[in-house]
Amino acid sequence: MKIFIHDIRIYAHHGVMPQEQSVGGDFIVSVEVELPDPIAIESDNLDDTINYADIAKVVQTEMAIPSKLLEHAAGRIAKKILFLYPAITTITVRITKQNPPLGLACKGAGVEFTLLNT
């Protein structure tokens, strides 16, 4: 089963450039987790699955910690969620910087990180 939360919009201070670190910018974060079929498909009980509100809180907390690289932020998010939910078999975190300092118009640039829980 996959559980996901897409396009969390967050203002954060990630980037290599000093202006990015001081002024900040807009980011979009998505998280998708895979797990064996949870008991919740029968029990209808939130305690028997992964609460995507908890995932959103982890994203919010970790994005509030400045990083130079989005790779670093994505790795922290993935590892923290895996720590909270060890039943997860695979997690994918995608972070998009809305207005990257490229000198070109684009919808965003970012990273996608997939981690297998072995």
PDB file of N, CA and C in Angstrom:
ATOM      1  N   MET A   1       0.845  -1.169   0.000  1.00  0.00           N
ATOM      2  CA  MET A   1       0.000   0.000   0.000  1.00  0.00           C
ATOM      3  C   MET A   1       0.889   1.229   0.000  1.00  0.00           C
ATOM      4  N   LYS A   2       0.445   2.266  -0.679  1.00  0.00           N
ATOM      5  CA  LYS A   2       1.135   3.550  -0.660  1.00  0.00           C
ATOM      6  C   LYS A   2       0.277   4.559   0.096  1.00  0.00           C
ATOM      7  N   ILE A   3       0.931   5.375   0.874  1.00  0.00           N
ATOM      8  CA  ILE A   3       0.298   6.498   1.555  1.00  0.00           C
ATOM      9  C   ILE A   3       1.117   7.718   1.168  1.00  0.00           C
ATOM     10  N   PHE A   4       0.442   8.811   0.824  1.00  0.00           N
ATOM     11  CA  PHE A   4       1.177   9.977   0.361  1.00  0.00           C
ATOM     12  C   PHE A   4       0.540  11.270   0.843  1.00  0.00           C
ATOM     13  N   ILE A   5       1.370  12.293   0.838  1.00  0.00           N
ATOM     14  CA  ILE A   5       0.915  13.666   1.026  1.00  0.00           C
ATOM     15  C   ILE A   5       1.685  14.483  -0.003  1.00  0.00           C
ATOM     16  N   HIS A   6       0.961  15.164  -0.855  1.00  0.00           N
ATOM     17  CA  HIS A   6       1.569  15.878  -1.976  1.00  0.00           C
ATOM     18  C   HIS A   6       1.473  17.392  -1.810  1.00  0.00           C
ATOM     19  N   ASP A   7       2.517  18.042  -2.256  1.00  0.00           N
ATOM     20  CA  ASP A   7       2.548  19.493  -2.435  1.00  0.00           C
ATOM     21  C   ASP A   7       2.282  20.292  -1.166  1.00  0.00           C
ATOM     22  N   ILE A   8       3.021  19.950  -0.104  1.00  0.00           N
ATOM     23  CA  ILE A   8       3.004  20.779   1.108  1.00  0.00           C
ATOM     24  C   ILE A   8       3.784  22.044   0.774  1.00  0.00           C
ATOM     25  N   ARG A   9       3.164  23.177   0.958  1.00  0.00           N
ATOM     26  CA  ARG A   9       3.824  24.456   0.648  1.00  0.00           C
ATOM     27  C   ARG A   9       4.438  25.023   1.923  1.00  0.00           C
ATOM     28  N   ILE A  10       5.743  25.282   1.850  1.00  0.00           N
ATOM     29  CA  ILE A  10       6.490  25.731   3.023  1.00  0.00           C
ATOM     30  C   ILE A  10       7.455  26.847   2.628  1.00  0.00           C
ATOM     31  N   TYR A  11       7.546  27.845   3.492  1.00  0.00           N
ATOM     32  CA  TYR A  11       8.555  28.890   3.344  1.00  0.00           C
ATOM     33  C   TYR A  11       9.738  28.481   4.213  1.00  0.00           C
ATOM     34  N   ALA A  12      10.934  28.428   3.630  1.00  0.00           N
ATOM     35  CA  ALA A  12      12.102  27.954   4.374  1.00  0.00           C
ATOM     36  C   ALA A  12      13.359  28.679   3.906  1.00  0.00           C
ATOM     37  N   HIS A  13      14.456  28.405   4.585  1.00  0.00           N
ATOM     38  CA  HIS A  13      15.727  29.095   4.331  1.00  0.00           C
ATOM     39  C   HIS A  13      16.809  28.111   3.896  1.00  0.00           C
ATOM     40  N   HIS A  14      16.595  27.450   2.772  1.00  0.00           N
ATOM     41  CA  HIS A  14      17.567  26.504   2.237  1.00  0.00           C
ATOM     42  C   HIS A  14      18.258  27.108   1.023  1.00  0.00           C
ATOM     43  N   GLY A  15      19.536  26.828   0.900  1.00  0.00           N
ATOM     44  CA  GLY A  15      20.261  27.279  -0.280  1.00  0.00           C
ATOM     45  C   GLY A  15      21.721  27.520   0.017  1.00  0.00           C
ATOM     46  N   VAL A  16      22.509  27.505  -1.038  1.00  0.00           N
ATOM     47  CA  VAL A  16      23.942  27.735  -0.926  1.00  0.00           C
ATOM     48  C   VAL A  16      24.244  29.226  -0.875  1.00  0.00           C
ATOM     49  N   MET A  17      23.467  30.009  -1.590  1.00  0.00           N
ATOM     50  CA  MET A  17      23.705  31.448  -1.667  1.00  0.00           C
ATOM     51  C   MET A  17      23.293  32.136  -0.357  1.00  0.00           C
ATOM     52  N   PRO A  18      24.078  33.100   0.121  1.00  0.00           N
ATOM     53  CA  PRO A  18      23.744  33.792   1.371  1.00  0.00           C
ATOM     54  C   PRO A  18      22.346  34.419   1.356  1.00  0.00           C
ATOM     55  N   GLN A  19      21.916  34.935   0.211  1.00  0.00           N
ATOM     56  CA  GLN A  19      20.583  35.541   0.126  1.00  0.00           C
ATOM     57  C   GLN A  19      19.490  34.498   0.354  1.00  0.00           C
ATOM     58  N   GLU A  20      19.678  33.305  -0.177  1.00  0.00           N
ATOM     59  CA  GLU A  20      18.700  32.235   0.028  1.00  0.00           C
ATOM     60  C   GLU A  20      18.597  31.884   1.511  1.00  0.00           C
ATOM     61  N   GLN A  21      19.736  31.888   2.186  1.00  0.00           N
ATOM     62  CA  GLN A  21      19.764  31.537   3.596  1.00  0.00           C
ATOM     63  C   GLN A  21      19.127  32.618   4.465  1.00  0.00           C
ATOM     64  N   SER A  22      19.311  33.880   4.096  1.00  0.00           N
ATOM     65  CA  SER A  22      18.774  34.961   4.929  1.00  0.00           C
ATOM     66  C   SER A  22      17.330  35.311   4.575  1.00  0.00           C
ATOM     67  N   VAL A  23      17.014  35.399   3.299  1.00  0.00           N
ATOM     68  CA  VAL A  23      15.673  35.809   2.870  1.00  0.00           C
ATOM     69  C   VAL A  23      14.717  34.613   2.837  1.00  0.00           C
ATOM     70  N   GLY A  24      15.202  33.469   2.417  1.00  0.00           N
ATOM     71  CA  GLY A  24      14.348  32.288   2.309  1.00  0.00           C
ATOM     72  C   GLY A  24      13.589  32.252   0.998  1.00  0.00           C
ATOM     73  N   GLY A  25      12.744  31.243   0.867  1.00  0.00           N
ATOM     74  CA  GLY A  25      11.964  31.099  -0.351  1.00  0.00           C
ATOM     75  C   GLY A  25      10.876  30.057  -0.180  1.00  0.00           C
ATOM     76  N   ASP A  26      10.119  29.880  -1.238  1.00  0.00           N
ATOM     77  CA  ASP A  26       8.997  28.949  -1.234  1.00  0.00           C
ATOM     78  C   ASP A  26       9.435  27.577  -1.748  1.00  0.00           C
ATOM     79  N   PHE A  27       8.971  26.544  -1.046  1.00  0.00           N
ATOM     80  CA  PHE A  27       9.284  25.164  -1.389  1.00  0.00           C
ATOM     81  C   PHE A  27       7.999  24.352  -1.411  1.00  0.00           C
ATOM     82  N   ILE A  28       8.015  23.291  -2.205  1.00  0.00           N
ATOM     83  CA  ILE A  28       6.912  22.337  -2.227  1.00  0.00           C
ATOM     84  C   ILE A  28       7.507  20.969  -1.904  1.00  0.00           C
ATOM     85  N   VAL A  29       6.897  20.299  -0.928  1.00  0.00           N
ATOM     86  CA  VAL A  29       7.404  19.003  -0.484  1.00  0.00           C
ATOM     87  C   VAL A  29       6.306  17.955  -0.634  1.00  0.00           C
ATOM     88  N   SER A  30       6.680  16.813  -1.185  1.00  0.00           N
ATOM     89  CA  SER A  30       5.784  15.665  -1.270  1.00  0.00           C
ATOM     90  C   SER A  30       6.483  14.458  -0.669  1.00  0.00           C
ATOM     91  N   VAL A  31       5.701  13.616   0.008  1.00  0.00           N
ATOM     92  CA  VAL A  31       6.231  12.400   0.617  1.00  0.00           C
ATOM     93  C   VAL A  31       5.310  11.243   0.254  1.00  0.00           C
ATOM     94  N   GLU A  32       5.910  10.145  -0.161  1.00  0.00           N
ATOM     95  CA  GLU A  32       5.157   8.922  -0.458  1.00  0.00           C
ATOM     96  C   GLU A  32       5.844   7.765   0.246  1.00  0.00           C
ATOM     97  N   VAL A  33       5.059   6.981   0.991  1.00  0.00           N
ATOM     98  CA  VAL A  33       5.615   5.821   1.677  1.00  0.00           C
ATOM     99  C   VAL A  33       4.903   4.561   1.210  1.00  0.00           C
ATOM    100  N   GLU A  34       5.646   3.477   1.207  1.00  0.00           N
ATOM    101  CA  GLU A  34       5.070   2.166   0.901  1.00  0.00           C
ATOM    102  C   GLU A  34       5.235   1.292   2.121  1.00  0.00           C
ATOM    103  N   LEU A  35       4.235   0.454   2.348  1.00  0.00           N
ATOM    104  CA  LEU A  35       4.273  -0.462   3.465  1.00  0.00           C
ATOM    105  C   LEU A  35       3.432  -1.679   3.148  1.00  0.00           C
ATOM    106  N   PRO A  36       3.706  -2.767   3.859  1.00  0.00           N
ATOM    107  CA  PRO A  36       2.827  -3.923   3.668  1.00  0.00           C
ATOM    108  C   PRO A  36       1.396  -3.492   3.989  1.00  0.00           C
ATOM    109  N   ASP A  37       0.434  -4.177   3.427  1.00  0.00           N
ATOM    110  CA  ASP A  37      -0.959  -3.792   3.660  1.00  0.00           C
ATOM    111  C   ASP A  37      -1.217  -3.650   5.152  1.00  0.00           C
ATOM    112  N   PRO A  38      -1.575  -2.448   5.586  1.00  0.00           N
ATOM    113  CA  PRO A  38      -1.774  -2.230   7.017  1.00  0.00           C
ATOM    114  C   PRO A  38      -3.056  -2.895   7.511  1.00  0.00           C
ATOM    115  N   ILE A  39      -3.054  -3.184   8.797  1.00  0.00           N
ATOM    116  CA  ILE A  39      -4.216  -3.771   9.447  1.00  0.00           C
ATOM    117  C   ILE A  39      -5.428  -2.850   9.283  1.00  0.00           C
ATOM    118  N   ALA A  40      -5.193  -1.583   9.079  1.00  0.00           N
ATOM    119  CA  ALA A  40      -6.274  -0.593   8.981  1.00  0.00           C
ATOM    120  C   ALA A  40      -7.244  -0.868   7.838  1.00  0.00           C
ATOM    121  N   ILE A  41      -6.829  -1.650   6.834  1.00  0.00           N
ATOM    122  CA  ILE A  41      -7.777  -1.939   5.752  1.00  0.00           C
ATOM    123  C   ILE A  41      -8.945  -2.773   6.262  1.00  0.00           C
ATOM    124  N   GLU A  42      -8.738  -3.449   7.396  1.00  0.00           N
ATOM    125  CA  GLU A  42      -9.818  -4.206   8.032  1.00  0.00           C
ATOM    126  C   GLU A  42     -10.346  -3.514   9.284  1.00  0.00           C
ATOM    127  N   SER A  43      -9.436  -2.924  10.082  1.00  0.00           N
ATOM    128  CA  SER A  43      -9.822  -2.392  11.391  1.00  0.00           C
ATOM    129  C   SER A  43     -10.470  -1.011  11.335  1.00  0.00           C
ATOM    130  N   ASP A  44     -10.147  -0.226  10.300  1.00  0.00           N
ATOM    131  CA  ASP A  44     -10.627   1.164  10.201  1.00  0.00           C
ATOM    132  C   ASP A  44     -10.166   1.990  11.402  1.00  0.00           C
ATOM    133  N   ASN A  45      -8.932   1.696  11.879  1.00  0.00           N
ATOM    134  CA  ASN A  45      -8.384   2.355  13.055  1.00  0.00           C
ATOM    135  C   ASN A  45      -7.089   3.067  12.662  1.00  0.00           C
ATOM    136  N   LEU A  46      -6.992   4.350  12.973  1.00  0.00           N
ATOM    137  CA  LEU A  46      -5.822   5.148  12.618  1.00  0.00           C
ATOM    138  C   LEU A  46      -4.537   4.602  13.231  1.00  0.00           C
ATOM    139  N   ASP A  47      -4.634   3.976  14.388  1.00  0.00           N
ATOM    140  CA  ASP A  47      -3.444   3.420  15.030  1.00  0.00           C
ATOM    141  C   ASP A  47      -2.844   2.244  14.260  1.00  0.00           C
ATOM    142  N   ASP A  48      -3.576   1.716  13.289  1.00  0.00           N
ATOM    143  CA  ASP A  48      -3.118   0.565  12.517  1.00  0.00           C
ATOM    144  C   ASP A  48      -2.536   0.940  11.155  1.00  0.00           C
ATOM    145  N   THR A  49      -2.208   2.205  10.981  1.00  0.00           N
ATOM    146  CA  THR A  49      -1.651   2.658   9.712  1.00  0.00           C
ATOM    147  C   THR A  49      -0.680   3.798   9.967  1.00  0.00           C
ATOM    148  N   ILE A  50      -0.311   4.510   8.922  1.00  0.00           N
ATOM    149  CA  ILE A  50       0.570   5.669   9.038  1.00  0.00           C
ATOM    150  C   ILE A  50      -0.286   6.918   8.911  1.00  0.00           C
ATOM    151  N   ASN A  51      -0.173   7.770   9.892  1.00  0.00           N
ATOM    152  CA  ASN A  51      -0.952   9.003   9.939  1.00  0.00           C
ATOM    153  C   ASN A  51      -0.247  10.071   9.102  1.00  0.00           C
ATOM    154  N   TYR A  52      -0.854  10.478   8.011  1.00  0.00           N
ATOM    155  CA  TYR A  52      -0.168  11.466   7.167  1.00  0.00           C
ATOM    156  C   TYR A  52      -0.081  12.830   7.829  1.00  0.00           C
ATOM    157  N   ALA A  53      -0.862  13.083   8.872  1.00  0.00           N
ATOM    158  CA  ALA A  53      -0.698  14.326   9.647  1.00  0.00           C
ATOM    159  C   ALA A  53       0.653  14.305  10.365  1.00  0.00           C
ATOM    160  N   ASP A  54       1.079  13.124  10.839  1.00  0.00           N
ATOM    161  CA  ASP A  54       2.403  12.999  11.465  1.00  0.00           C
ATOM    162  C   ASP A  54       3.506  13.241  10.441  1.00  0.00           C
ATOM    163  N   ILE A  55       3.306  12.736   9.232  1.00  0.00           N
ATOM    164  CA  ILE A  55       4.283  12.968   8.163  1.00  0.00           C
ATOM    165  C   ILE A  55       4.399  14.464   7.883  1.00  0.00           C
ATOM    166  N   ALA A  56       3.282  15.150   7.816  1.00  0.00           N
ATOM    167  CA  ALA A  56       3.282  16.597   7.558  1.00  0.00           C
ATOM    168  C   ALA A  56       4.026  17.349   8.663  1.00  0.00           C
ATOM    169  N   LYS A  57       3.865  16.914   9.911  1.00  0.00           N
ATOM    170  CA  LYS A  57       4.570  17.564  11.024  1.00  0.00           C
ATOM    171  C   LYS A  57       6.081  17.378  10.895  1.00  0.00           C
ATOM    172  N   VAL A  58       6.502  16.180  10.499  1.00  0.00           N
ATOM    173  CA  VAL A  58       7.932  15.942  10.299  1.00  0.00           C
ATOM    174  C   VAL A  58       8.464  16.849   9.195  1.00  0.00           C
ATOM    175  N   VAL A  59       7.737  16.949   8.100  1.00  0.00           N
ATOM    176  CA  VAL A  59       8.149  17.823   7.000  1.00  0.00           C
ATOM    177  C   VAL A  59       8.290  19.254   7.499  1.00  0.00           C
ATOM    178  N   GLN A  60       7.308  19.741   8.209  1.00  0.00           N
ATOM    179  CA  GLN A  60       7.328  21.113   8.721  1.00  0.00           C
ATOM    180  C   GLN A  60       8.523  21.334   9.659  1.00  0.00           C
ATOM    181  N   THR A  61       8.758  20.402  10.561  1.00  0.00           N
ATOM    182  CA  THR A  61       9.862  20.531  11.518  1.00  0.00           C
ATOM    183  C   THR A  61      11.214  20.505  10.826  1.00  0.00           C
ATOM    184  N   GLU A  62      11.410  19.556   9.928  1.00  0.00           N
ATOM    185  CA  GLU A  62      12.710  19.416   9.261  1.00  0.00           C
ATOM    186  C   GLU A  62      12.978  20.539   8.266  1.00  0.00           C
ATOM    187  N   MET A  63      11.935  21.023   7.595  1.00  0.00           N
ATOM    188  CA  MET A  63      12.126  22.141   6.655  1.00  0.00           C
ATOM    189  C   MET A  63      12.453  23.442   7.375  1.00  0.00           C
ATOM    190  N   ALA A  64      12.143  23.521   8.664  1.00  0.00           N
ATOM    191  CA  ALA A  64      12.457  24.717   9.447  1.00  0.00           C
ATOM    192  C   ALA A  64      13.942  24.781   9.813  1.00  0.00           C
ATOM    193  N   ILE A  65      14.668  23.680   9.619  1.00  0.00           N
ATOM    194  CA  ILE A  65      16.110  23.636   9.891  1.00  0.00           C
ATOM    195  C   ILE A  65      16.841  23.958   8.589  1.00  0.00           C
ATOM    196  N   PRO A  66      17.524  25.106   8.517  1.00  0.00           N
ATOM    197  CA  PRO A  66      18.184  25.486   7.261  1.00  0.00           C
ATOM    198  C   PRO A  66      19.242  24.473   6.820  1.00  0.00           C
ATOM    199  N   SER A  67      19.274  24.216   5.525  1.00  0.00           N
ATOM    200  CA  SER A  67      20.290  23.372   4.897  1.00  0.00           C
ATOM    201  C   SER A  67      20.790  24.078   3.653  1.00  0.00           C
ATOM    202  N   LYS A  68      22.041  23.891   3.336  1.00  0.00           N
ATOM    203  CA  LYS A  68      22.555  24.425   2.078  1.00  0.00           C
ATOM    204  C   LYS A  68      21.982  23.629   0.908  1.00  0.00           C
ATOM    205  N   LEU A  69      21.879  22.312   1.089  1.00  0.00           N
ATOM    206  CA  LEU A  69      21.447  21.436   0.000  1.00  0.00           C
ATOM    207  C   LEU A  69      20.088  20.817   0.285  1.00  0.00           C
ATOM    208  N   LEU A  70      19.252  20.761  -0.745  1.00  0.00           N
ATOM    209  CA  LEU A  70      17.956  20.107  -0.609  1.00  0.00           C
ATOM    210  C   LEU A  70      18.129  18.613  -0.358  1.00  0.00           C
ATOM    211  N   GLU A  71      19.220  18.046  -0.848  1.00  0.00           N
ATOM    212  CA  GLU A  71      19.511  16.643  -0.604  1.00  0.00           C
ATOM    213  C   GLU A  71      19.579  16.356   0.903  1.00  0.00           C
ATOM    214  N   HIS A  72      20.185  17.271   1.619  1.00  0.00           N
ATOM    215  CA  HIS A  72      20.330  17.133   3.069  1.00  0.00           C
ATOM    216  C   HIS A  72      18.971  17.191   3.754  1.00  0.00           C
ATOM    217  N   ALA A  73      18.147  18.145   3.377  1.00  0.00           N
ATOM    218  CA  ALA A  73      16.808  18.267   3.962  1.00  0.00           C
ATOM    219  C   ALA A  73      15.960  17.038   3.641  1.00  0.00           C
ATOM    220  N   ALA A  74      16.006  16.563   2.409  1.00  0.00           N
ATOM    221  CA  ALA A  74      15.225  15.385   2.016  1.00  0.00           C
ATOM    222  C   ALA A  74      15.670  14.154   2.794  1.00  0.00           C
ATOM    223  N   GLY A  75      16.966  14.004   2.988  1.00  0.00           N
ATOM    224  CA  GLY A  75      17.490  12.871   3.747  1.00  0.00           C
ATOM    225  C   GLY A  75      17.037  12.905   5.201  1.00  0.00           C
ATOM    226  N   ARG A  76      17.055  14.089   5.796  1.00  0.00           N
ATOM    227  CA  ARG A  76      16.594  14.216   7.192  1.00  0.00           C
ATOM    228  C   ARG A  76      15.120  13.847   7.316  1.00  0.00           C
ATOM    229  N   ILE A  77      14.305  14.331   6.382  1.00  0.00           N
ATOM    230  CA  ILE A  77      12.870  14.033   6.410  1.00  0.00           C
ATOM    231  C   ILE A  77      12.637  12.528   6.303  1.00  0.00           C
ATOM    232  N   ALA A  78      13.292  11.894   5.332  1.00  0.00           N
ATOM    233  CA  ALA A  78      13.102  10.453   5.114  1.00  0.00           C
ATOM    234  C   ALA A  78      13.529   9.647   6.334  1.00  0.00           C
ATOM    235  N   LYS A  79      14.685   9.957   6.892  1.00  0.00           N
ATOM    236  CA  LYS A  79      15.190   9.202   8.035  1.00  0.00           C
ATOM    237  C   LYS A  79      14.311   9.372   9.267  1.00  0.00           C
ATOM    238  N   LYS A  80      13.813  10.565   9.486  1.00  0.00           N
ATOM    239  CA  LYS A  80      12.951  10.810  10.648  1.00  0.00           C
ATOM    240  C   LYS A  80      11.633  10.045  10.514  1.00  0.00           C
ATOM    241  N   ILE A  81      11.040  10.043   9.330  1.00  0.00           N
ATOM    242  CA  ILE A  81       9.781   9.314   9.123  1.00  0.00           C
ATOM    243  C   ILE A  81      10.002   7.817   9.280  1.00  0.00           C
ATOM    244  N   LEU A  82      11.121   7.300   8.760  1.00  0.00           N
ATOM    245  CA  LEU A  82      11.428   5.878   8.935  1.00  0.00           C
ATOM    246  C   LEU A  82      11.633   5.520  10.402  1.00  0.00           C
ATOM    247  N   PHE A  83      12.224   6.430  11.149  1.00  0.00           N
ATOM    248  CA  PHE A  83      12.407   6.195  12.578  1.00  0.00           C
ATOM    249  C   PHE A  83      11.050   6.088  13.277  1.00  0.00           C
ATOM    250  N   LEU A  84      10.119   6.963  12.905  1.00  0.00           N
ATOM    251  CA  LEU A  84       8.792   6.953  13.526  1.00  0.00           C
ATOM    252  C   LEU A  84       7.950   5.766  13.099  1.00  0.00           C
ATOM    253  N   TYR A  85       8.138   5.315  11.852  1.00  0.00           N
ATOM    254  CA  TYR A  85       7.326   4.234  11.283  1.00  0.00           C
ATOM    255  C   TYR A  85       8.228   3.168  10.660  1.00  0.00           C
ATOM    256  N   PRO A  86       8.803   2.288  11.467  1.00  0.00           N
ATOM    257  CA  PRO A  86       9.729   1.285  10.925  1.00  0.00           C
ATOM    258  C   PRO A  86       9.084   0.264   9.989  1.00  0.00           C
ATOM    259  N   ALA A  87       7.749   0.195   9.937  1.00  0.00           N
ATOM    260  CA  ALA A  87       7.076  -0.739   9.016  1.00  0.00           C
ATOM    261  C   ALA A  87       7.170  -0.277   7.561  1.00  0.00           C
ATOM    262  N   ILE A  88       7.541   0.972   7.338  1.00  0.00           N
ATOM    263  CA  ILE A  88       7.676   1.497   5.971  1.00  0.00           C
ATOM    264  C   ILE A  88       8.768   0.717   5.243  1.00  0.00           C
ATOM    265  N   THR A  89       8.473   0.295   4.020  1.00  0.00           N
ATOM    266  CA  THR A  89       9.470  -0.418   3.216  1.00  0.00           C
ATOM    267  C   THR A  89      10.228   0.516   2.274  1.00  0.00           C
ATOM    268  N   THR A  90       9.546   1.546   1.794  1.00  0.00           N
ATOM    269  CA  THR A  90      10.151   2.514   0.878  1.00  0.00           C
ATOM    270  C   THR A  90       9.566   3.884   1.161  1.00  0.00           C
ATOM    271  N   ILE A  91      10.420   4.898   1.124  1.00  0.00           N
ATOM    272  CA  ILE A  91       9.951   6.277   1.271  1.00  0.00           C
ATOM    273  C   ILE A  91      10.584   7.117   0.178  1.00  0.00           C
ATOM    274  N   THR A  92       9.773   7.994  -0.411  1.00  0.00           N
ATOM    275  CA  THR A  92      10.259   8.944  -1.402  1.00  0.00           C
ATOM    276  C   THR A  92       9.895  10.346  -0.939  1.00  0.00           C
ATOM    277  N   VAL A  93      10.897  11.218  -0.918  1.00  0.00           N
ATOM    278  CA  VAL A  93      10.709  12.619  -0.547  1.00  0.00           C
ATOM    279  C   VAL A  93      11.114  13.462  -1.741  1.00  0.00           C
ATOM    280  N   ARG A  94      10.234  14.369  -2.139  1.00  0.00           N
ATOM    281  CA  ARG A  94      10.516  15.286  -3.247  1.00  0.00           C
ATOM    282  C   ARG A  94      10.426  16.715  -2.710  1.00  0.00           C
ATOM    283  N   ILE A  95      11.483  17.496  -2.937  1.00  0.00           N
ATOM    284  CA  ILE A  95      11.494  18.904  -2.538  1.00  0.00           C
ATOM    285  C   ILE A  95      11.770  19.745  -3.771  1.00  0.00           C
ATOM    286  N   THR A  96      10.899  20.710  -4.014  1.00  0.00           N
ATOM    287  CA  THR A  96      11.060  21.632  -5.144  1.00  0.00           C
ATOM    288  C   THR A  96      11.216  23.048  -4.627  1.00  0.00           C
ATOM    289  N   LYS A  97      12.285  23.715  -5.062  1.00  0.00           N
ATOM    290  CA  LYS A  97      12.488  25.132  -4.758  1.00  0.00           C
ATOM    291  C   LYS A  97      11.761  25.919  -5.839  1.00  0.00           C
ATOM    292  N   GLN A  98      10.802  26.721  -5.455  1.00  0.00           N
ATOM    293  CA  GLN A  98       9.930  27.406  -6.399  1.00  0.00           C
ATOM    294  C   GLN A  98      10.645  28.418  -7.288  1.00  0.00           C
ATOM    295  N   ASN A  99      11.540  29.183  -6.739  1.00  0.00           N
ATOM    296  CA  ASN A  99      12.223  30.214  -7.525  1.00  0.00           C
ATOM    297  C   ASN A  99      13.732  30.084  -7.369  1.00  0.00           C
ATOM    298  N   PRO A 100      14.317  29.068  -7.956  1.00  0.00           N
ATOM    299  CA  PRO A 100      15.758  28.883  -7.785  1.00  0.00           C
ATOM    300  C   PRO A 100      16.535  29.997  -8.483  1.00  0.00           C
ATOM    301  N   PRO A 101      17.688  30.366  -7.917  1.00  0.00           N
ATOM    302  CA  PRO A 101      18.482  31.462  -8.497  1.00  0.00           C
ATOM    303  C   PRO A 101      19.268  30.995  -9.723  1.00  0.00           C
ATOM    304  N   LEU A 102      18.545  30.755 -10.810  1.00  0.00           N
ATOM    305  CA  LEU A 102      19.174  30.268 -12.031  1.00  0.00           C
ATOM    306  C   LEU A 102      19.381  31.356 -13.075  1.00  0.00           C
ATOM    307  N   GLY A 103      18.674  32.464 -12.917  1.00  0.00           N
ATOM    308  CA  GLY A 103      18.706  33.486 -13.956  1.00  0.00           C
ATOM    309  C   GLY A 103      17.828  33.118 -15.136  1.00  0.00           C
ATOM    310  N   LEU A 104      17.005  32.107 -14.985  1.00  0.00           N
ATOM    311  CA  LEU A 104      16.078  31.641 -16.016  1.00  0.00           C
ATOM    312  C   LEU A 104      14.707  31.439 -15.384  1.00  0.00           C
ATOM    313  N   ALA A 105      13.667  31.573 -16.184  1.00  0.00           N
ATOM    314  CA  ALA A 105      12.325  31.311 -15.681  1.00  0.00           C
ATOM    315  C   ALA A 105      12.068  29.803 -15.700  1.00  0.00           C
ATOM    316  N   CYS A 106      11.595  29.274 -14.575  1.00  0.00           N
ATOM    317  CA  CYS A 106      11.219  27.869 -14.505  1.00  0.00           C
ATOM    318  C   CYS A 106      10.216  27.695 -13.372  1.00  0.00           C
ATOM    319  N   LYS A 107       9.525  26.579 -13.365  1.00  0.00           N
ATOM    320  CA  LYS A 107       8.546  26.301 -12.317  1.00  0.00           C
ATOM    321  C   LYS A 107       9.209  25.852 -11.028  1.00  0.00           C
ATOM    322  N   GLY A 108      10.459  25.463 -11.103  1.00  0.00           N
ATOM    323  CA  GLY A 108      11.160  25.035  -9.912  1.00  0.00           C
ATOM    324  C   GLY A 108      12.259  24.053 -10.226  1.00  0.00           C
ATOM    325  N   ALA A 109      13.106  23.847  -9.229  1.00  0.00           N
ATOM    326  CA  ALA A 109      14.194  22.868  -9.321  1.00  0.00           C
ATOM    327  C   ALA A 109      14.260  22.170  -7.978  1.00  0.00           C
ATOM    328  N   GLY A 110      14.686  20.919  -7.996  1.00  0.00           N
ATOM    329  CA  GLY A 110      14.714  20.240  -6.715  1.00  0.00           C
ATOM    330  C   GLY A 110      15.314  18.864  -6.765  1.00  0.00           C
ATOM    331  N   VAL A 111      14.960  18.076  -5.754  1.00  0.00           N
ATOM    332  CA  VAL A 111      15.494  16.730  -5.599  1.00  0.00           C
ATOM    333  C   VAL A 111      14.365  15.764  -5.293  1.00  0.00           C
ATOM    334  N   GLU A 112      14.600  14.533  -5.651  1.00  0.00           N
ATOM    335  CA  GLU A 112      13.716  13.437  -5.257  1.00  0.00           C
ATOM    336  C   GLU A 112      14.617  12.343  -4.712  1.00  0.00           C
ATOM    337  N   PHE A 113      14.319  11.925  -3.481  1.00  0.00           N
ATOM    338  CA  PHE A 113      15.160  10.964  -2.773  1.00  0.00           C
ATOM    339  C   PHE A 113      14.302   9.777  -2.369  1.00  0.00           C
ATOM    340  N   THR A 114      14.724   8.578  -2.763  1.00  0.00           N
ATOM    341  CA  THR A 114      14.023   7.358  -2.377  1.00  0.00           C
ATOM    342  C   THR A 114      14.951   6.523  -1.512  1.00  0.00           C
ATOM    343  N   LEU A 115      14.396   6.064  -0.385  1.00  0.00           N
ATOM    344  CA  LEU A 115      15.166   5.277   0.561  1.00  0.00           C
ATOM    345  C   LEU A 115      14.422   3.975   0.828  1.00  0.00           C
ATOM    346  N   LEU A 116      15.132   2.864   0.679  1.00  0.00           N
ATOM    347  CA  LEU A 116      14.572   1.554   0.979  1.00  0.00           C
ATOM    348  C   LEU A 116      14.926   1.196   2.407  1.00  0.00           C
ATOM    349  N   ASN A 117      13.945   0.739   3.146  1.00  0.00           N
ATOM    350  CA  ASN A 117      14.159   0.342   4.536  1.00  0.00           C
ATOM    351  C   ASN A 117      14.527  -1.132   4.572  1.00  0.00           C
ATOM    352  N   THR A 118      15.808  -1.406   4.832  1.00  0.00           N
ATOM    353  CA  THR A 118      16.265  -2.790   4.825  1.00  0.00           C
ATOM    354  C   THR A 118      16.496  -3.314   6.220  1.00  0.00           C
TER     355      THR A 118
END
